[in-house]
PDB file of N, CA and C in Angstrom:
ATOM      1  N   ALA A   1       1.159  -1.206  -0.012  1.00  0.00           N
ATOM      2  CA  ALA A   1       0.207  -0.186  -0.021  1.00  0.00           C
ATOM      3  C   ALA A   1       0.857   1.304  -0.015  1.00  0.00           C
ATOM      4  N   ALA A   2       1.973   1.109   0.661  1.00  0.00           N
ATOM      5  CA  ALA A   2       3.251   2.247   0.787  1.00  0.00           C
ATOM      6  C   ALA A   2       3.444   2.738  -0.806  1.00  0.00           C
ATOM      7  N   ASP A   3       2.982   1.933  -2.066  1.00  0.00           N
ATOM      8  CA  ASP A   3       3.672   2.056  -3.316  1.00  0.00           C
ATOM      9  C   ASP A   3       2.626   2.891  -4.556  1.00  0.00           C
ATOM     10  N   VAL A   4       1.386   2.696  -3.400  1.00  0.00           N
ATOM     11  CA  VAL A   4       0.321   3.244  -4.370  1.00  0.00           C
ATOM     12  C   VAL A   4       0.018   4.527  -4.292  1.00  0.00           C
ATOM     13  N   ARG A   5      -0.230   5.049  -5.390  1.00  0.00           N
ATOM     14  CA  ARG A   5      -0.226   6.304  -5.728  1.00  0.00           C
ATOM     15  C   ARG A   5      -1.435   7.303  -4.625  1.00  0.00           C
ATOM     16  N   ASP A   6      -1.187   8.418  -4.157  1.00  0.00           N
ATOM     17  CA  ASP A   6      -2.655   9.046  -2.729  1.00  0.00           C
ATOM     18  C   ASP A   6      -3.613   8.995  -3.043  1.00  0.00           C
ATOM     19  N   SER A   7      -4.039   8.957  -4.321  1.00  0.00           N
ATOM     20  CA  SER A   7      -5.469   8.864  -4.400  1.00  0.00           C
ATOM     21  C   SER A   7      -6.090   7.501  -5.283  1.00  0.00           C
ATOM     22  N   VAL A   8      -7.383   7.340  -4.856  1.00  0.00           N
ATOM     23  CA  VAL A   8      -7.910   5.897  -5.425  1.00  0.00           C
ATOM     24  C   VAL A   8      -8.821   6.727  -6.816  1.00  0.00           C
ATOM     25  N   ARG A   9      -9.131   6.102  -7.466  1.00  0.00           N
ATOM     26  CA  ARG A   9     -10.091   6.464  -8.335  1.00  0.00           C
ATOM     27  C   ARG A   9     -11.356   5.341  -8.321  1.00  0.00           C
ATOM     28  N   PHE A  10     -12.628   5.674  -8.360  1.00  0.00           N
ATOM     29  CA  PHE A  10     -14.029   4.884  -8.401  1.00  0.00           C
ATOM     30  C   PHE A  10     -14.679   5.431  -9.579  1.00  0.00           C
ATOM     31  N   ILE A  11     -14.980   4.198 -10.240  1.00  0.00           N
ATOM     32  CA  ILE A  11     -15.429   4.201 -12.048  1.00  0.00           C
ATOM     33  C   ILE A  11     -16.418   3.073 -11.556  1.00  0.00           C
ATOM     34  N   LEU A  12     -17.723   4.015 -12.187  1.00  0.00           N
ATOM     35  CA  LEU A  12     -19.073   3.135 -12.019  1.00  0.00           C
ATOM     36  C   LEU A  12     -19.732   3.401 -13.326  1.00  0.00           C
ATOM     37  N   THR A  13     -20.043   2.522 -13.559  1.00  0.00           N
ATOM     38  CA  THR A  13     -21.029   1.944 -14.872  1.00  0.00           C
ATOM     39  C   THR A  13     -22.097   1.282 -14.691  1.00  0.00           C
ATOM     40  N   PRO A  14     -23.252   1.477 -15.265  1.00  0.00           N
ATOM     41  CA  PRO A  14     -24.503   0.426 -15.489  1.00  0.00           C
ATOM     42  C   PRO A  14     -24.005  -1.098 -15.278  1.00  0.00           C
ATOM     43  N   GLU A  15     -22.358  -1.267 -15.747  1.00  0.00           N
ATOM     44  CA  GLU A  15     -22.175  -2.560 -15.891  1.00  0.00           C
ATOM     45  C   GLU A  15     -21.545  -3.260 -14.704  1.00  0.00           C
ATOM     46  N   GLY A  16     -20.955  -2.117 -14.072  1.00  0.00           N
ATOM     47  CA  GLY A  16     -19.828  -2.713 -12.761  1.00  0.00           C
ATOM     48  C   GLY A  16     -19.209  -1.345 -11.945  1.00  0.00           C
ATOM     49  N   PHE A  17     -18.441  -1.653 -11.160  1.00  0.00           N
ATOM     50  CA  PHE A  17     -17.587  -1.161 -10.346  1.00  0.00           C
ATOM     51  C   PHE A  17     -16.403  -1.246 -10.525  1.00  0.00           C
ATOM     52  N   THR A  18     -15.255  -0.471 -10.770  1.00  0.00           N
ATOM     53  CA  THR A  18     -14.003  -0.310 -10.465  1.00  0.00           C
ATOM     54  C   THR A  18     -13.471   0.598  -9.645  1.00  0.00           C
ATOM     55  N   ILE A  19     -12.388   0.091  -9.119  1.00  0.00           N
ATOM     56  CA  ILE A  19     -11.568   0.694  -8.089  1.00  0.00           C
ATOM     57  C   ILE A  19      -9.885   0.827  -8.539  1.00  0.00           C
ATOM     58  N   SER A  20      -9.295   1.880  -9.025  1.00  0.00           N
ATOM     59  CA  SER A  20      -7.938   1.622  -9.415  1.00  0.00           C
ATOM     60  C   SER A  20      -7.258   2.799  -8.678  1.00  0.00           C
ATOM     61  N   SER A  21      -5.540   2.713  -8.700  1.00  0.00           N
ATOM     62  CA  SER A  21      -4.972   3.441  -8.373  1.00  0.00           C
ATOM     63  C   SER A  21      -3.545   3.128  -9.275  1.00  0.00           C
ATOM     64  N   LYS A  22      -2.740   4.243  -9.613  1.00  0.00           N
ATOM     65  CA  LYS A  22      -1.538   3.990 -10.061  1.00  0.00           C
ATOM     66  C   LYS A  22      -0.335   4.688  -9.509  1.00  0.00           C
ATOM     67  N   SER A  23       0.907   4.315  -9.534  1.00  0.00           N
ATOM     68  CA  SER A  23       2.370   4.615  -8.721  1.00  0.00           C
ATOM     69  C   SER A  23       2.867   4.701 -10.016  1.00  0.00           C
ATOM     70  N   ASP A  24       4.148   5.408  -9.776  1.00  0.00           N
ATOM     71  CA  ASP A  24       5.329   5.374 -10.789  1.00  0.00           C
ATOM     72  C   ASP A  24       5.838   4.005 -11.425  1.00  0.00           C
ATOM     73  N   SER A  25       5.681   2.821 -10.427  1.00  0.00           N
ATOM     74  CA  SER A  25       6.100   1.315 -10.401  1.00  0.00           C
ATOM     75  C   SER A  25       4.878   0.315 -10.606  1.00  0.00           C
ATOM     76  N   GLU A  26       3.971   0.709 -10.452  1.00  0.00           N
ATOM     77  CA  GLU A  26       2.622   0.000  -9.912  1.00  0.00           C
ATOM     78  C   GLU A  26       1.568   0.424 -10.513  1.00  0.00           C
ATOM     79  N   ASP A  27       0.617  -0.147 -11.258  1.00  0.00           N
ATOM     80  CA  ASP A  27      -0.991  -0.010 -11.143  1.00  0.00           C
ATOM     81  C   ASP A  27      -1.459  -1.397 -10.671  1.00  0.00           C
ATOM     82  N   ALA A  28      -3.132  -0.663  -9.769  1.00  0.00           N
ATOM     83  CA  ALA A  28      -3.689  -1.517  -9.225  1.00  0.00           C
ATOM     84  C   ALA A  28      -5.352  -1.244  -9.321  1.00  0.00           C
ATOM     85  N   GLU A  29      -5.797  -2.702  -9.760  1.00  0.00           N
ATOM     86  CA  GLU A  29      -7.149  -2.013 -10.254  1.00  0.00           C
ATOM     87  C   GLU A  29      -8.068  -3.200  -9.605  1.00  0.00           C
ATOM     88  N   MET A  30      -9.127  -3.115  -9.748  1.00  0.00           N
ATOM     89  CA  MET A  30     -10.075  -4.149  -8.866  1.00  0.00           C
ATOM     90  C   MET A  30     -11.420  -3.979  -9.614  1.00  0.00           C
ATOM     91  N   LYS A  31     -12.139  -4.952  -9.727  1.00  0.00           N
ATOM     92  CA  LYS A  31     -13.368  -4.859 -10.550  1.00  0.00           C
ATOM     93  C   LYS A  31     -14.109  -5.723  -9.511  1.00  0.00           C
ATOM     94  N   ILE A  32     -15.477  -5.037  -9.278  1.00  0.00           N
ATOM     95  CA  ILE A  32     -16.565  -5.786  -8.617  1.00  0.00           C
ATOM     96  C   ILE A  32     -17.525  -6.601  -9.122  1.00  0.00           C
ATOM     97  N   ASP A  33     -17.653  -7.412  -8.951  1.00  0.00           N
ATOM     98  CA  ASP A  33     -18.357  -8.215  -9.872  1.00  0.00           C
ATOM     99  C   ASP A  33     -20.009  -8.090  -9.308  1.00  0.00           C
ATOM    100  N   SER A  34     -20.834  -8.020  -9.712  1.00  0.00           N
ATOM    101  CA  SER A  34     -22.451  -7.713  -9.403  1.00  0.00           C
ATOM    102  C   SER A  34     -22.806  -8.528  -8.523  1.00  0.00           C
ATOM    103  N   GLU A  35     -22.165  -9.873  -8.218  1.00  0.00           N
ATOM    104  CA  GLU A  35     -22.727 -10.646  -7.122  1.00  0.00           C
ATOM    105  C   GLU A  35     -22.266 -10.328  -5.769  1.00  0.00           C
ATOM    106  N   HIS A  36     -21.388  -9.227  -5.641  1.00  0.00           N
ATOM    107  CA  HIS A  36     -20.447  -8.687  -4.360  1.00  0.00           C
ATOM    108  C   HIS A  36     -21.840  -7.408  -4.119  1.00  0.00           C
ATOM    109  N   TYR A  37     -22.582  -7.066  -4.840  1.00  0.00           N
ATOM    110  CA  TYR A  37     -23.292  -5.958  -4.180  1.00  0.00           C
ATOM    111  C   TYR A  37     -24.623  -6.243  -4.610  1.00  0.00           C
ATOM    112  N   LYS A  38     -25.804  -5.293  -3.599  1.00  0.00           N
ATOM    113  CA  LYS A  38     -27.155  -5.595  -3.993  1.00  0.00           C
ATOM    114  C   LYS A  38     -27.447  -4.904  -5.000  1.00  0.00           C
ATOM    115  N   GLU A  39     -27.078  -3.570  -5.186  1.00  0.00           N
ATOM    116  CA  GLU A  39     -28.059  -2.741  -6.186  1.00  0.00           C
ATOM    117  C   GLU A  39     -27.041  -1.591  -6.623  1.00  0.00           C
ATOM    118  N   ILE A  40     -26.817  -1.065  -7.886  1.00  0.00           N
ATOM    119  CA  ILE A  40     -26.078  -0.236  -8.333  1.00  0.00           C
ATOM    120  C   ILE A  40     -27.204   0.770  -9.315  1.00  0.00           C
ATOM    121  N   LYS A  41     -26.619   1.962  -9.163  1.00  0.00           N
ATOM    122  CA  LYS A  41     -27.658   2.627 -10.053  1.00  0.00           C
ATOM    123  C   LYS A  41     -26.518   3.645 -10.707  1.00  0.00           C
ATOM    124  N   SER A  42     -26.764   3.965 -12.112  1.00  0.00           N
ATOM    125  CA  SER A  42     -25.980   4.605 -12.913  1.00  0.00           C
ATOM    126  C   SER A  42     -26.375   4.912 -14.240  1.00  0.00           C
ATOM    127  N   ASN A  43     -26.824   6.114 -14.544  1.00  0.00           N
ATOM    128  CA  ASN A  43     -27.108   6.272 -16.052  1.00  0.00           C
ATOM    129  C   ASN A  43     -25.997   6.469 -17.083  1.00  0.00           C
ATOM    130  N   GLY A  44     -25.067   6.346 -16.611  1.00  0.00           N
ATOM    131  CA  GLY A  44     -23.770   6.872 -17.660  1.00  0.00           C
ATOM    132  C   GLY A  44     -22.669   6.162 -16.743  1.00  0.00           C
ATOM    133  N   GLU A  45     -21.433   6.550 -17.157  1.00  0.00           N
ATOM    134  CA  GLU A  45     -19.645   6.700 -16.557  1.00  0.00           C
ATOM    135  C   GLU A  45     -19.759   7.692 -15.764  1.00  0.00           C
ATOM    136  N   ILE A  46     -19.395   7.006 -14.338  1.00  0.00           N
ATOM    137  CA  ILE A  46     -19.262   8.367 -13.284  1.00  0.00           C
ATOM    138  C   ILE A  46     -17.895   8.172 -12.776  1.00  0.00           C
ATOM    139  N   LYS A  47     -17.147   8.740 -12.608  1.00  0.00           N
ATOM    140  CA  LYS A  47     -15.624   8.952 -12.365  1.00  0.00           C
ATOM    141  C   LYS A  47     -15.147   9.889 -11.209  1.00  0.00           C
ATOM    142  N   SER A  48     -14.522   9.276 -10.186  1.00  0.00           N
ATOM    143  CA  SER A  48     -13.982  10.309  -9.028  1.00  0.00           C
ATOM    144  C   SER A  48     -13.099  10.050  -8.350  1.00  0.00           C
ATOM    145  N   SER A  49     -11.966  10.396  -7.611  1.00  0.00           N
ATOM    146  CA  SER A  49     -10.898  10.034  -7.356  1.00  0.00           C
ATOM    147  C   SER A  49     -11.038  10.769  -5.785  1.00  0.00           C
ATOM    148  N   TYR A  50     -10.553   9.870  -4.751  1.00  0.00           N
ATOM    149  CA  TYR A  50     -10.491  10.406  -3.491  1.00  0.00           C
ATOM    150  C   TYR A  50      -8.826  10.001  -2.671  1.00  0.00           C
ATOM    151  N   PRO A  51      -8.752  10.895  -1.489  1.00  0.00           N
ATOM    152  CA  PRO A  51      -7.463  10.416  -1.283  1.00  0.00           C
ATOM    153  C   PRO A  51      -6.785   9.222  -0.469  1.00  0.00           C
ATOM    154  N   SER A  52      -6.672   8.395  -0.833  1.00  0.00           N
ATOM    155  CA  SER A  52      -5.915   7.198  -0.015  1.00  0.00           C
ATOM    156  C   SER A  52      -5.858   7.234   1.215  1.00  0.00           C
ATOM    157  N   GLU A  53      -5.285   8.080   2.154  1.00  0.00           N
ATOM    158  CA  GLU A  53      -4.970   8.067   3.260  1.00  0.00           C
ATOM    159  C   GLU A  53      -6.023   8.287   4.192  1.00  0.00           C
ATOM    160  N   TYR A  54      -7.445   9.178   3.932  1.00  0.00           N
ATOM    161  CA  TYR A  54      -8.686   8.887   4.419  1.00  0.00           C
ATOM    162  C   TYR A  54      -9.275   7.909   4.028  1.00  0.00           C
ATOM    163  N   LEU A  55      -9.237   7.356   2.823  1.00  0.00           N
ATOM    164  CA  LEU A  55      -9.959   6.123   2.804  1.00  0.00           C
ATOM    165  C   LEU A  55      -9.512   4.738   3.491  1.00  0.00           C
ATOM    166  N   ILE A  56      -8.288   4.781   3.591  1.00  0.00           N
ATOM    167  CA  ILE A  56      -7.762   3.609   4.283  1.00  0.00           C
ATOM    168  C   ILE A  56      -8.224   3.714   5.820  1.00  0.00           C
ATOM    169  N   LYS A  57      -8.082   4.710   6.619  1.00  0.00           N
ATOM    170  CA  LYS A  57      -8.795   5.079   7.677  1.00  0.00           C
ATOM    171  C   LYS A  57     -10.182   4.798   8.210  1.00  0.00           C
ATOM    172  N   ILE A  58     -10.986   4.945   6.839  1.00  0.00           N
ATOM    173  CA  ILE A  58     -12.226   4.695   6.960  1.00  0.00           C
ATOM    174  C   ILE A  58     -12.716   2.956   6.955  1.00  0.00           C
ATOM    175  N   MET A  59     -11.941   2.593   5.578  1.00  0.00           N
ATOM    176  CA  MET A  59     -11.915   0.874   5.514  1.00  0.00           C
ATOM    177  C   MET A  59     -11.805   0.279   6.837  1.00  0.00           C
ATOM    178  N   LYS A  60     -10.806   0.923   7.835  1.00  0.00           N
ATOM    179  CA  LYS A  60     -10.128   0.079   9.105  1.00  0.00           C
ATOM    180  C   LYS A  60     -11.838  -0.354  10.130  1.00  0.00           C
ATOM    181  N   SER A  61     -12.699   0.557   9.617  1.00  0.00           N
ATOM    182  CA  SER A  61     -14.280   0.402  10.433  1.00  0.00           C
ATOM    183  C   SER A  61     -15.176  -0.056   9.798  1.00  0.00           C
ATOM    184  N   ILE A  62     -14.883  -0.802   8.270  1.00  0.00           N
ATOM    185  CA  ILE A  62     -16.192  -1.654   7.912  1.00  0.00           C
ATOM    186  C   ILE A  62     -15.832  -2.730   8.157  1.00  0.00           C
ATOM    187  N   GLY A  63     -14.900  -3.801   8.789  1.00  0.00           N
ATOM    188  CA  GLY A  63     -14.947  -4.707   9.026  1.00  0.00           C
ATOM    189  C   GLY A  63     -15.854  -6.017   9.880  1.00  0.00           C
ATOM    190  N   THR A  64     -16.372  -4.664  10.736  1.00  0.00           N
ATOM    191  CA  THR A  64     -17.868  -5.219  11.276  1.00  0.00           C
ATOM    192  C   THR A  64     -19.058  -4.951  10.988  1.00  0.00           C
ATOM    193  N   ALA A  65     -19.254  -4.152   9.731  1.00  0.00           N
ATOM    194  CA  ALA A  65     -20.347  -3.647   9.095  1.00  0.00           C
ATOM    195  C   ALA A  65     -21.171  -4.355   8.675  1.00  0.00           C
ATOM    196  N   GLU A  66     -22.815  -4.694   8.887  1.00  0.00           N
ATOM    197  CA  GLU A  66     -23.158  -5.596   8.356  1.00  0.00           C
ATOM    198  C   GLU A  66     -23.827  -5.109   6.586  1.00  0.00           C
ATOM    199  N   ASN A  67     -23.865  -4.079   6.526  1.00  0.00           N
ATOM    200  CA  ASN A  67     -24.226  -3.326   5.351  1.00  0.00           C
ATOM    201  C   ASN A  67     -23.368  -1.955   4.784  1.00  0.00           C
ATOM    202  N   LEU A  68     -22.740  -1.766   3.537  1.00  0.00           N
ATOM    203  CA  LEU A  68     -22.026  -0.719   2.966  1.00  0.00           C
ATOM    204  C   LEU A  68     -22.617  -0.233   2.208  1.00  0.00           C
ATOM    205  N   LYS A  69     -22.989   1.066   2.164  1.00  0.00           N
ATOM    206  CA  LYS A  69     -23.412   2.129   0.906  1.00  0.00           C
ATOM    207  C   LYS A  69     -22.689   3.117   0.560  1.00  0.00           C
ATOM    208  N   LEU A  70     -21.924   2.861  -0.637  1.00  0.00           N
ATOM    209  CA  LEU A  70     -21.419   3.842  -1.415  1.00  0.00           C
ATOM    210  C   LEU A  70     -22.516   4.725  -2.083  1.00  0.00           C
ATOM    211  N   ALA A  71     -22.142   6.269  -2.115  1.00  0.00           N
ATOM    212  CA  ALA A  71     -22.685   7.161  -3.095  1.00  0.00           C
ATOM    213  C   ALA A  71     -21.420   8.342  -3.562  1.00  0.00           C
ATOM    214  N   PHE A  72     -21.072   8.527  -4.931  1.00  0.00           N
ATOM    215  CA  PHE A  72     -20.630   9.108  -5.299  1.00  0.00           C
ATOM    216  C   PHE A  72     -21.163   9.765  -6.700  1.00  0.00           C
ATOM    217  N   ASN A  73     -20.676  11.030  -7.222  1.00  0.00           N
ATOM    218  CA  ASN A  73     -20.966  11.239  -8.421  1.00  0.00           C
ATOM    219  C   ASN A  73     -19.587  11.949  -8.676  1.00  0.00           C
ATOM    220  N   ASN A  74     -19.491  12.417 -10.450  1.00  0.00           N
ATOM    221  CA  ASN A  74     -18.429  13.156 -10.952  1.00  0.00           C
ATOM    222  C   ASN A  74     -17.864  14.014 -10.202  1.00  0.00           C
ATOM    223  N   ASP A  75     -16.615  14.105  -9.780  1.00  0.00           N
ATOM    224  CA  ASP A  75     -15.949  15.181  -8.934  1.00  0.00           C
ATOM    225  C   ASP A  75     -16.817  15.247  -7.734  1.00  0.00           C
ATOM    226  N   TYR A  76     -17.649  14.466  -7.267  1.00  0.00           N
ATOM    227  CA  TYR A  76     -18.157  15.463  -5.815  1.00  0.00           C
ATOM    228  C   TYR A  76     -18.040  14.417  -4.761  1.00  0.00           C
ATOM    229  N   PRO A  77     -18.272  14.697  -3.431  1.00  0.00           N
ATOM    230  CA  PRO A  77     -17.800  14.118  -2.482  1.00  0.00           C
ATOM    231  C   PRO A  77     -18.511  12.011  -2.281  1.00  0.00           C
ATOM    232  N   LEU A  78     -17.917  11.818  -1.979  1.00  0.00           N
ATOM    233  CA  LEU A  78     -17.962  10.302  -1.669  1.00  0.00           C
ATOM    234  C   LEU A  78     -18.777   9.987  -0.235  1.00  0.00           C
ATOM    235  N   VAL A  79     -19.535   9.740  -0.133  1.00  0.00           N
ATOM    236  CA  VAL A  79     -20.688   9.095   0.992  1.00  0.00           C
ATOM    237  C   VAL A  79     -20.438   7.549   1.270  1.00  0.00           C
ATOM    238  N   ILE A  80     -20.086   7.281   2.545  1.00  0.00           N
ATOM    239  CA  ILE A  80     -19.991   5.866   3.093  1.00  0.00           C
ATOM    240  C   ILE A  80     -20.811   5.926   4.021  1.00  0.00           C
ATOM    241  N   GLU A  81     -21.602   4.817   3.896  1.00  0.00           N
ATOM    242  CA  GLU A  81     -22.525   4.885   5.100  1.00  0.00           C
ATOM    243  C   GLU A  81     -22.497   3.124   5.596  1.00  0.00           C
ATOM    244  N   LEU A  82     -22.474   3.129   6.843  1.00  0.00           N
ATOM    245  CA  LEU A  82     -22.228   1.684   7.130  1.00  0.00           C
ATOM    246  C   LEU A  82     -23.381   1.437   8.396  1.00  0.00           C
ATOM    247  N   GLU A  83     -23.789   0.122   8.397  1.00  0.00           N
ATOM    248  CA  GLU A  83     -24.638   0.229   9.510  1.00  0.00           C
ATOM    249  C   GLU A  83     -24.464  -1.539   9.959  1.00  0.00           C
ATOM    250  N   PHE A  84     -24.355  -1.522  11.170  1.00  0.00           N
ATOM    251  CA  PHE A  84     -24.023  -2.290  12.317  1.00  0.00           C
ATOM    252  C   PHE A  84     -25.141  -2.594  13.076  1.00  0.00           C
ATOM    253  N   ALA A  85     -25.298  -4.289  13.086  1.00  0.00           N
ATOM    254  CA  ALA A  85     -26.375  -4.640  13.992  1.00  0.00           C
ATOM    255  C   ALA A  85     -25.724  -4.752  15.459  1.00  0.00           C
ATOM    256  N   GLN A  86     -26.212  -4.140  15.945  1.00  0.00           N
ATOM    257  CA  GLN A  86     -25.695  -4.509  17.655  1.00  0.00           C
ATOM    258  C   GLN A  86     -27.349  -5.171  19.007  1.00  0.00           C
ATOM    259  N   SER A  87     -26.809  -5.781  19.782  1.00  0.00           N
ATOM    260  CA  SER A  87     -27.719  -6.163  20.374  1.00  0.00           C
ATOM    261  C   SER A  87     -28.949  -5.057  20.975  1.00  0.00           C
ATOM    262  N   SER A  88     -28.702  -3.848  21.023  1.00  0.00           N
ATOM    263  CA  SER A  88     -29.178  -2.869  21.490  1.00  0.00           C
ATOM    264  C   SER A  88     -30.050  -1.944  20.093  1.00  0.00           C
ATOM    265  N   GLY A  89     -29.869  -2.574  19.019  1.00  0.00           N
ATOM    266  CA  GLY A  89     -30.351  -1.909  17.668  1.00  0.00           C
ATOM    267  C   GLY A  89     -29.109  -1.464  16.725  1.00  0.00           C
ATOM    268  N   GLU A  90     -29.822  -1.448  15.717  1.00  0.00           N
ATOM    269  CA  GLU A  90     -29.262  -1.019  14.305  1.00  0.00           C
ATOM    270  C   GLU A  90     -28.364   0.285  14.364  1.00  0.00           C
ATOM    271  N   LYS A  91     -27.182   0.535  14.696  1.00  0.00           N
ATOM    272  CA  LYS A  91     -26.415   1.846  14.645  1.00  0.00           C
ATOM    273  C   LYS A  91     -26.059   1.956  12.823  1.00  0.00           C
ATOM    274  N   ARG A  92     -25.618   3.297  12.350  1.00  0.00           N
ATOM    275  CA  ARG A  92     -25.415   3.463  11.166  1.00  0.00           C
ATOM    276  C   ARG A  92     -24.377   4.611  11.419  1.00  0.00           C
ATOM    277  N   VAL A  93     -23.371   4.789  10.689  1.00  0.00           N
ATOM    278  CA  VAL A  93     -22.051   5.580  10.542  1.00  0.00           C
ATOM    279  C   VAL A  93     -22.261   6.036   9.339  1.00  0.00           C
ATOM    280  N   LYS A  94     -21.911   7.517   9.059  1.00  0.00           N
ATOM    281  CA  LYS A  94     -22.098   8.164   7.776  1.00  0.00           C
ATOM    282  C   LYS A  94     -20.320   8.972   7.486  1.00  0.00           C
ATOM    283  N   TYR A  95     -19.781   8.601   6.156  1.00  0.00           N
ATOM    284  CA  TYR A  95     -18.604   9.343   6.355  1.00  0.00           C
ATOM    285  C   TYR A  95     -19.136   9.988   4.754  1.00  0.00           C
ATOM    286  N   LEU A  96     -18.578  11.571   4.995  1.00  0.00           N
ATOM    287  CA  LEU A  96     -18.305  12.473   3.863  1.00  0.00           C
ATOM    288  C   LEU A  96     -16.517  12.710   3.725  1.00  0.00           C
ATOM    289  N   LEU A  97     -16.265  12.258   2.357  1.00  0.00           N
ATOM    290  CA  LEU A  97     -15.035  12.242   1.767  1.00  0.00           C
ATOM    291  C   LEU A  97     -15.040  13.252   0.773  1.00  0.00           C
ATOM    292  N   ALA A  98     -14.441  14.243   0.712  1.00  0.00           N
ATOM    293  CA  ALA A  98     -14.106  15.263  -0.175  1.00  0.00           C
ATOM    294  C   ALA A  98     -13.348  14.773  -1.496  1.00  0.00           C
ATOM    295  N   PRO A  99     -13.629  15.227  -2.673  1.00  0.00           N
ATOM    296  CA  PRO A  99     -12.658  14.171  -4.077  1.00  0.00           C
ATOM    297  C   PRO A  99     -11.751  15.040  -3.950  1.00  0.00           C
ATOM    298  N   ARG A 100     -10.464  14.311  -4.783  1.00  0.00           N
ATOM    299  CA  ARG A 100      -9.441  15.121  -4.933  1.00  0.00           C
ATOM    300  C   ARG A 100      -9.434  15.325  -6.594  1.00  0.00           C
ATOM    301  N   MET A 101      -9.399  16.720  -6.958  1.00  0.00           N
ATOM    302  CA  MET A 101      -9.359  17.304  -8.225  1.00  0.00           C
ATOM    303  C   MET A 101      -8.015  16.978  -8.524  1.00  0.00           C
ATOM    304  N   GLU A 102      -8.335  16.553 -10.133  1.00  0.00           N
ATOM    305  CA  GLU A 102      -7.010  16.154 -10.741  1.00  0.00           C
ATOM    306  C   GLU A 102      -7.126  17.112 -12.147  1.00  0.00           C
TER     307      GLU A 102
END
């Protein structure tokens, strides 16, 4: 992870979701198959980049989440909503992350 560029690019199309990052020495790309998400909404291609430093910190809290919802648009903030099931009831956490302008 130390060699990955300081931003991560999210690309959403009606066909799927891709996360990518590039550095001087390496490119990384992950395509998320439709079997791994419940719903995807996109009228066309949507692209936006976010700082990896903050994404990594947010990702550490996802491990115990029951549900994860991502919402973003072209060069708009990323909304990450997590749902946790607890004995005292369902809890939600929402993160808002500004895009990295390129």
